[in-house]
Amino acid sequence: MNKIIVLAIFIGLSSVVGISQKYGMYQQIGKYVLFTDSLKEKHQADWQIDQIQNNRDTTRIKLLDNYNLAICYMAKGNVDSVIFYLKQSIAVFPPYNRMILSDSDFGSLHSQSCWKIITGKIDSALLATTPKITHPKLAVELFHIFVKDQYARGYGLKFPDKSTMDIDSINQIRMEQIIKEYGWPTYTMLGKVAADGAFMIIQHSKPEIQKKYIETLRILADKKETSQSSVALLWDRILVNDHRYQLFGTQVFQTQDPITHKISKYGYYPIEDEANVDVRRKEMGLIPLKDYFKMFGIDYVPGSKFKMPTY
């Protein structure tokens, strides 16, 4: 049975999962928000604009209206309206700024002067949420490095980028330079978004780099200069990579049928002292394991023993 390792990181809105398609809009499915491929033809974009502007869909998440309108007008080729509604989205709902930067639907705008307006407003919005940070310029740089990291892993893409390894290498080299010059990027230096983004670069680094910084992260987490949950994620990742039992249950995988090669349900790696895992998770600011595993469709019974999924 083949295993595909999956790590769930939820930064910002924990209930959002997005895989962008060409002119795909957000649609709520239960508690999740997913992209739907719905705007391939211009008349569909016109219909969607009418639905949004006239409040005809009561199940819609209204905070996404401006973002969705920008995508609709992108499908119509109306760049001025795209820029207008992206500005509105940035002002009204900043948590989706990272999606704006990585959404492949807006890719054709990246070489145009209007895109500098959008990126400038996103950078300003980032700094406005952290007015007391000591290194604002570095915060902006690391935020964009983090966006590239996520973009390479399919965040906002129709298909994952094939150059993930190249992007990781570039990001990791720059991160090492930053750490050498400034020390580990902390909340005081950068604010939570950029600092947590810096952690993700290390999370996706080679095992020897992960091990190099885990103790630094543990010390800074005790000082509330980085996230305890980040420590838990990296700690578990290191343990699993070393073929050891994880401590917090953050590492899961998907199985693949060896005959059909179809992806099956999720499983989780063995957990040390599993009966007390929720005690450790609470100490690290993590939700109960049962609730965490629900996100992956795992019907978990607290205190149960690890069992590999079977066909």
Protein backbone atom coordinates (compact mmCIF):
# COMPACT_ATOMS: atom_id res chain seq x y z
CA MET A 1 0.00 0.00 0.00
CA ASN A 2 1.46 3.31 -1.03
CA LYS A 3 1.31 6.33 1.23
CA ILE A 4 1.19 9.98 0.28
CA ILE A 5 2.21 12.28 3.11
CA VAL A 6 -0.05 15.25 3.69
CA LEU A 7 0.51 18.02 6.23
CA ALA A 8 -2.44 20.22 7.08
CA ILE A 9 -1.51 23.81 7.86
CA PHE A 10 -4.32 26.22 8.43
CA ILE A 11 -3.18 29.82 8.59
CA GLY A 12 -5.72 32.58 8.74
CA LEU A 13 -9.10 30.96 8.04
CA SER A 14 -8.84 27.37 9.19
CA SER A 15 -11.99 26.33 7.33
CA VAL A 16 -10.81 27.38 3.88
CA VAL A 17 -9.56 24.98 1.27
CA GLY A 18 -8.91 26.37 -2.17
CA ILE A 19 -7.77 24.94 -5.48
CA SER A 20 -8.31 27.57 -8.13
CA GLN A 21 -9.56 26.73 -11.58
CA LYS A 22 -9.73 28.96 -14.62
CA TYR A 23 -12.14 31.69 -13.58
CA GLY A 24 -13.30 29.62 -10.64
CA MET A 25 -15.49 31.15 -7.96
CA TYR A 26 -15.77 30.34 -4.28
CA GLN A 27 -18.71 28.23 -3.23
CA GLN A 28 -19.63 27.11 0.24
CA ILE A 29 -19.98 23.37 0.80
CA GLY A 30 -20.83 22.69 4.41
CA LYS A 31 -18.28 24.52 6.53
CA TYR A 32 -15.69 24.54 3.75
CA VAL A 33 -15.20 27.05 0.97
CA LEU A 34 -14.10 25.54 -2.32
CA PHE A 35 -13.43 26.81 -5.81
CA THR A 36 -15.89 25.83 -8.53
CA ASP A 37 -15.20 25.96 -12.24
CA SER A 38 -18.22 28.02 -13.24
CA LEU A 39 -17.22 30.90 -15.52
CA LYS A 40 -15.88 29.46 -18.74
CA GLU A 41 -18.37 31.44 -20.80
CA LYS A 42 -19.02 35.18 -20.50
CA HIS A 43 -22.78 34.82 -20.14
CA GLN A 44 -22.17 32.72 -17.03
CA ALA A 45 -20.05 35.55 -15.62
CA ASP A 46 -22.89 38.00 -16.28
CA TRP A 47 -25.33 35.69 -14.53
CA GLN A 48 -23.03 35.32 -11.52
CA ILE A 49 -22.55 39.11 -11.29
CA ASP A 50 -26.30 39.54 -11.23
CA GLN A 51 -26.67 36.91 -8.52
CA ILE A 52 -24.03 38.56 -6.34
CA GLN A 53 -25.06 42.17 -6.79
CA ASN A 54 -28.74 41.47 -6.25
CA ASN A 55 -28.27 39.18 -3.24
CA ARG A 56 -30.11 36.28 -4.84
CA ASP A 57 -28.03 33.56 -3.24
CA THR A 58 -28.67 33.57 0.49
CA THR A 59 -26.18 30.75 1.16
CA ARG A 60 -23.33 32.82 -0.24
CA ILE A 61 -20.50 34.02 2.01
CA LYS A 62 -20.85 37.76 1.46
CA LEU A 63 -17.30 38.52 2.57
CA LEU A 64 -16.20 36.87 -0.67
CA ASP A 65 -18.41 39.03 -2.90
CA ASN A 66 -15.69 41.43 -4.00
CA TYR A 67 -13.25 38.61 -4.67
CA ASN A 68 -15.85 36.71 -6.66
CA LEU A 69 -16.81 39.81 -8.63
CA ALA A 70 -13.16 40.36 -9.52
CA ILE A 71 -13.01 36.80 -10.89
CA CYS A 72 -16.23 37.35 -12.85
CA TYR A 73 -14.88 40.48 -14.49
CA MET A 74 -11.59 38.69 -15.18
CA ALA A 75 -13.61 36.15 -17.15
CA LYS A 76 -15.17 39.03 -19.08
CA GLY A 77 -11.81 40.68 -19.71
CA ASN A 78 -12.78 43.88 -17.90
CA VAL A 79 -9.50 44.71 -16.15
CA ASP A 80 -10.65 48.03 -14.67
CA SER A 81 -13.49 46.31 -12.84
CA VAL A 82 -11.15 43.50 -11.73
CA ILE A 83 -8.81 46.03 -10.13
CA PHE A 84 -11.71 47.91 -8.55
CA TYR A 85 -13.15 44.82 -6.86
CA LEU A 86 -9.75 43.49 -5.82
CA LYS A 87 -9.15 46.80 -4.04
CA GLN A 88 -12.51 46.37 -2.33
CA SER A 89 -11.64 42.81 -1.32
CA ILE A 90 -8.33 43.93 0.16
CA ALA A 91 -10.06 46.64 2.18
CA VAL A 92 -13.02 44.55 3.35
CA PHE A 93 -11.54 41.08 3.83
CA PRO A 94 -7.71 41.03 4.15
CA PRO A 95 -7.49 37.30 5.02
CA TYR A 96 -7.87 36.57 1.29
CA ASN A 97 -5.00 38.82 0.22
CA ARG A 98 -2.71 35.79 0.02
CA MET A 99 -5.17 34.16 -2.38
CA ILE A 100 -5.20 37.25 -4.57
CA LEU A 101 -1.43 37.06 -4.95
CA SER A 102 -1.41 33.35 -5.77
CA ASP A 103 -4.68 32.94 -7.68
CA SER A 104 -3.81 31.80 -11.19
CA ASP A 105 -6.95 33.49 -12.54
CA PHE A 106 -5.16 36.83 -12.17
CA GLY A 107 -1.87 35.58 -13.61
CA SER A 108 -2.16 37.57 -16.83
CA LEU A 109 -2.23 40.80 -14.81
CA HIS A 110 1.10 40.20 -13.06
CA SER A 111 3.12 41.84 -15.83
CA GLN A 112 0.86 44.89 -15.99
CA SER A 113 1.35 48.15 -14.10
CA CYS A 114 -2.06 47.78 -12.45
CA TRP A 115 -0.80 44.74 -10.54
CA LYS A 116 1.71 46.91 -8.69
CA ILE A 117 -1.24 48.84 -7.30
CA ILE A 118 -2.76 45.61 -6.00
CA THR A 119 0.46 44.27 -4.47
CA GLY A 120 1.15 47.68 -2.93
CA LYS A 121 -2.26 47.71 -1.25
CA ILE A 122 -1.79 44.15 0.00
CA ASP A 123 1.59 45.08 1.48
CA SER A 124 0.09 48.16 3.13
CA ALA A 125 -2.77 46.07 4.53
CA LEU A 126 -0.25 43.59 5.98
CA LEU A 127 1.72 46.34 7.70
CA ALA A 128 -1.43 48.06 8.93
CA THR A 129 -2.26 44.98 11.02
CA THR A 130 1.18 45.07 12.66
CA PRO A 131 2.04 48.77 13.19
CA LYS A 132 4.57 48.11 15.97
CA ILE A 133 6.83 45.57 14.25
CA THR A 134 10.53 46.40 14.12
CA HIS A 135 11.31 45.13 10.60
CA PRO A 136 8.44 46.09 8.24
CA LYS A 137 10.45 45.77 5.03
CA LEU A 138 11.57 42.26 5.98
CA ALA A 139 7.98 41.37 6.92
CA VAL A 140 6.80 42.23 3.41
CA GLU A 141 9.64 40.24 1.83
CA LEU A 142 8.95 37.15 3.92
CA PHE A 143 5.22 37.40 3.28
CA HIS A 144 5.86 37.21 -0.46
CA ILE A 145 8.36 34.37 -0.01
CA PHE A 146 5.65 32.50 1.89
CA VAL A 147 3.16 33.11 -0.93
CA LYS A 148 5.64 31.60 -3.40
CA ASP A 149 6.06 28.60 -1.11
CA GLN A 150 2.31 28.00 -1.06
CA TYR A 151 1.90 28.71 -4.77
CA ALA A 152 4.44 26.01 -5.60
CA ARG A 153 2.35 23.54 -3.61
CA GLY A 154 -0.81 24.21 -5.55
CA TYR A 155 -2.33 26.90 -3.32
CA GLY A 156 -4.35 28.95 -5.80
CA LEU A 157 -3.28 26.86 -8.77
CA LYS A 158 -5.25 24.68 -11.10
CA PHE A 159 -2.42 22.18 -10.89
CA PRO A 160 0.61 22.10 -8.55
CA ASP A 161 3.68 23.79 -9.96
CA LYS A 162 6.39 21.42 -11.24
CA SER A 163 9.14 23.73 -10.03
CA THR A 164 8.40 23.22 -6.32
CA MET A 165 11.91 21.99 -5.58
CA ASP A 166 13.51 24.96 -7.33
CA ILE A 167 11.34 27.43 -5.43
CA ASP A 168 12.04 25.65 -2.14
CA SER A 169 15.80 25.84 -2.74
CA ILE A 170 15.64 29.57 -3.49
CA ASN A 171 13.40 30.24 -0.47
CA GLN A 172 15.58 28.19 1.86
CA ILE A 173 18.77 29.93 0.77
CA ARG A 174 17.19 33.32 1.43
CA MET A 175 15.80 32.17 4.78
CA GLU A 176 19.24 31.04 5.90
CA GLN A 177 20.63 34.45 4.90
CA ILE A 178 17.89 36.23 6.84
CA ILE A 179 18.38 34.11 9.96
CA LYS A 180 22.14 34.68 9.80
CA GLU A 181 21.65 38.45 9.56
CA TYR A 182 18.65 39.01 11.85
CA GLY A 183 18.21 35.85 13.89
CA TRP A 184 15.01 33.83 13.76
CA PRO A 185 12.09 35.99 12.45
CA THR A 186 9.90 36.67 15.51
CA TYR A 187 6.45 38.16 16.05
CA THR A 188 8.05 41.33 17.42
CA MET A 189 10.11 41.71 14.27
CA LEU A 190 7.52 40.79 11.63
CA GLY A 191 4.09 40.16 13.10
CA LYS A 192 2.31 36.80 13.12
CA VAL A 193 1.52 36.38 9.41
CA ALA A 194 5.04 36.95 8.08
CA ALA A 195 6.73 35.14 10.97
CA ASP A 196 4.50 32.09 10.60
CA GLY A 197 5.25 32.22 6.88
CA ALA A 198 8.96 32.07 7.68
CA PHE A 199 8.29 28.95 9.73
CA MET A 200 6.64 27.32 6.72
CA ILE A 201 9.80 27.77 4.67
CA ILE A 202 11.75 25.85 7.30
CA GLN A 203 8.93 23.30 7.58
CA HIS A 204 9.43 22.53 3.90
CA SER A 205 13.22 22.43 4.18
CA LYS A 206 15.52 19.43 4.28
CA PRO A 207 15.45 17.36 7.50
CA GLU A 208 18.84 18.64 8.63
CA ILE A 209 17.60 22.25 8.41
CA GLN A 210 14.42 21.36 10.31
CA LYS A 211 16.47 19.82 13.11
CA LYS A 212 18.81 22.81 13.12
CA TYR A 213 16.04 25.21 14.17
CA ILE A 214 13.59 23.14 16.25
CA GLU A 215 15.23 24.03 19.56
CA THR A 216 15.29 27.73 18.64
CA LEU A 217 11.58 27.55 17.86
CA ARG A 218 10.83 25.85 21.20
CA ILE A 219 12.62 28.61 23.11
CA LEU A 220 10.90 31.39 21.16
CA ALA A 221 7.49 29.74 21.55
CA ASP A 222 7.93 29.85 25.33
CA LYS A 223 8.56 33.60 24.95
CA LYS A 224 5.45 33.92 22.72
CA GLU A 225 7.64 35.03 19.83
CA THR A 226 6.49 32.19 17.61
CA SER A 227 3.61 29.75 17.63
CA GLN A 228 3.48 26.68 19.88
CA SER A 229 1.45 24.98 17.16
CA SER A 230 4.32 25.56 14.72
CA VAL A 231 6.67 23.83 17.14
CA ALA A 232 4.28 20.87 17.36
CA LEU A 233 4.04 20.58 13.58
CA LEU A 234 7.79 20.69 13.04
CA TRP A 235 8.49 18.38 15.98
CA ASP A 236 6.09 15.77 14.61
CA ARG A 237 7.47 16.17 11.10
CA ILE A 238 11.01 15.48 12.33
CA LEU A 239 9.89 12.45 14.32
CA VAL A 240 7.93 10.95 11.42
CA ASN A 241 10.82 11.54 9.00
CA ASP A 242 13.02 9.62 11.47
CA HIS A 243 10.48 6.76 11.53
CA ARG A 244 9.57 7.48 15.15
CA TYR A 245 6.20 7.95 16.85
CA GLN A 246 4.84 11.49 16.64
CA LEU A 247 3.77 13.38 19.78
CA PHE A 248 0.86 15.58 18.69
CA GLY A 249 -0.84 13.74 15.84
CA THR A 250 -0.31 16.48 13.27
CA GLN A 251 1.07 14.21 10.54
CA VAL A 252 -1.38 12.34 8.34
CA PHE A 253 -1.16 10.55 5.02
CA GLN A 254 -3.37 9.30 2.24
CA THR A 255 -3.29 5.75 0.99
CA GLN A 256 -3.19 4.82 -2.65
CA ASP A 257 -4.71 1.63 -4.01
CA PRO A 258 -1.80 -0.29 -5.61
CA ILE A 259 -4.09 -1.64 -8.36
CA THR A 260 -6.31 1.31 -9.29
CA HIS A 261 -3.84 3.97 -8.04
CA LYS A 262 -6.78 5.94 -6.74
CA ILE A 263 -6.31 8.02 -3.61
CA SER A 264 -8.22 6.51 -0.72
CA LYS A 265 -8.98 7.69 2.79
CA TYR A 266 -6.58 9.34 5.21
CA GLY A 267 -4.65 7.64 7.96
CA TYR A 268 -2.34 8.99 10.63
CA TYR A 269 1.12 8.08 11.76
CA PRO A 270 1.58 6.28 15.11
CA ILE A 271 1.36 8.53 18.17
CA GLU A 272 3.40 8.18 21.34
CA ASP A 273 1.24 7.72 24.47
CA GLU A 274 -1.87 8.24 22.37
CA ALA A 275 -4.23 8.20 25.36
CA ASN A 276 -2.74 11.54 26.51
CA VAL A 277 -2.25 13.16 23.11
CA ASP A 278 -4.98 15.75 23.68
CA VAL A 279 -3.26 16.92 26.86
CA ARG A 280 -0.13 17.63 24.85
CA ARG A 281 -2.12 19.21 22.01
CA LYS A 282 -3.85 21.58 24.41
CA GLU A 283 -0.50 22.69 25.80
CA MET A 284 0.56 23.56 22.25
CA GLY A 285 -2.61 25.45 21.42
CA LEU A 286 -4.02 22.75 19.15
CA ILE A 287 -7.64 21.64 18.88
CA PRO A 288 -8.59 18.14 20.12
CA LEU A 289 -7.30 15.39 17.86
CA LYS A 290 -10.80 14.12 17.09
CA ASP A 291 -11.77 17.53 15.70
CA TYR A 292 -8.51 17.85 13.78
CA PHE A 293 -8.92 14.43 12.18
CA LYS A 294 -12.49 15.25 11.13
CA MET A 295 -10.97 17.63 8.58
CA PHE A 296 -9.47 14.57 6.89
CA GLY A 297 -12.49 12.33 7.18
CA ILE A 298 -10.90 10.26 9.94
CA ASP A 299 -13.46 8.99 12.45
CA TYR A 300 -11.14 9.02 15.43
CA VAL A 301 -11.87 7.49 18.82
CA PRO A 302 -9.77 9.24 21.52
CA GLY A 303 -7.25 6.92 23.13
CA SER A 304 -7.52 4.32 20.39
CA LYS A 305 -4.54 2.48 19.03
CA PHE A 306 -3.04 3.28 15.64
CA LYS A 307 -4.33 1.10 12.85
CA MET A 308 -3.32 1.21 9.21
CA PRO A 309 -6.25 1.64 6.79
CA THR A 310 -7.04 -1.49 4.78
CA TYR A 311 -8.98 -2.27 1.61
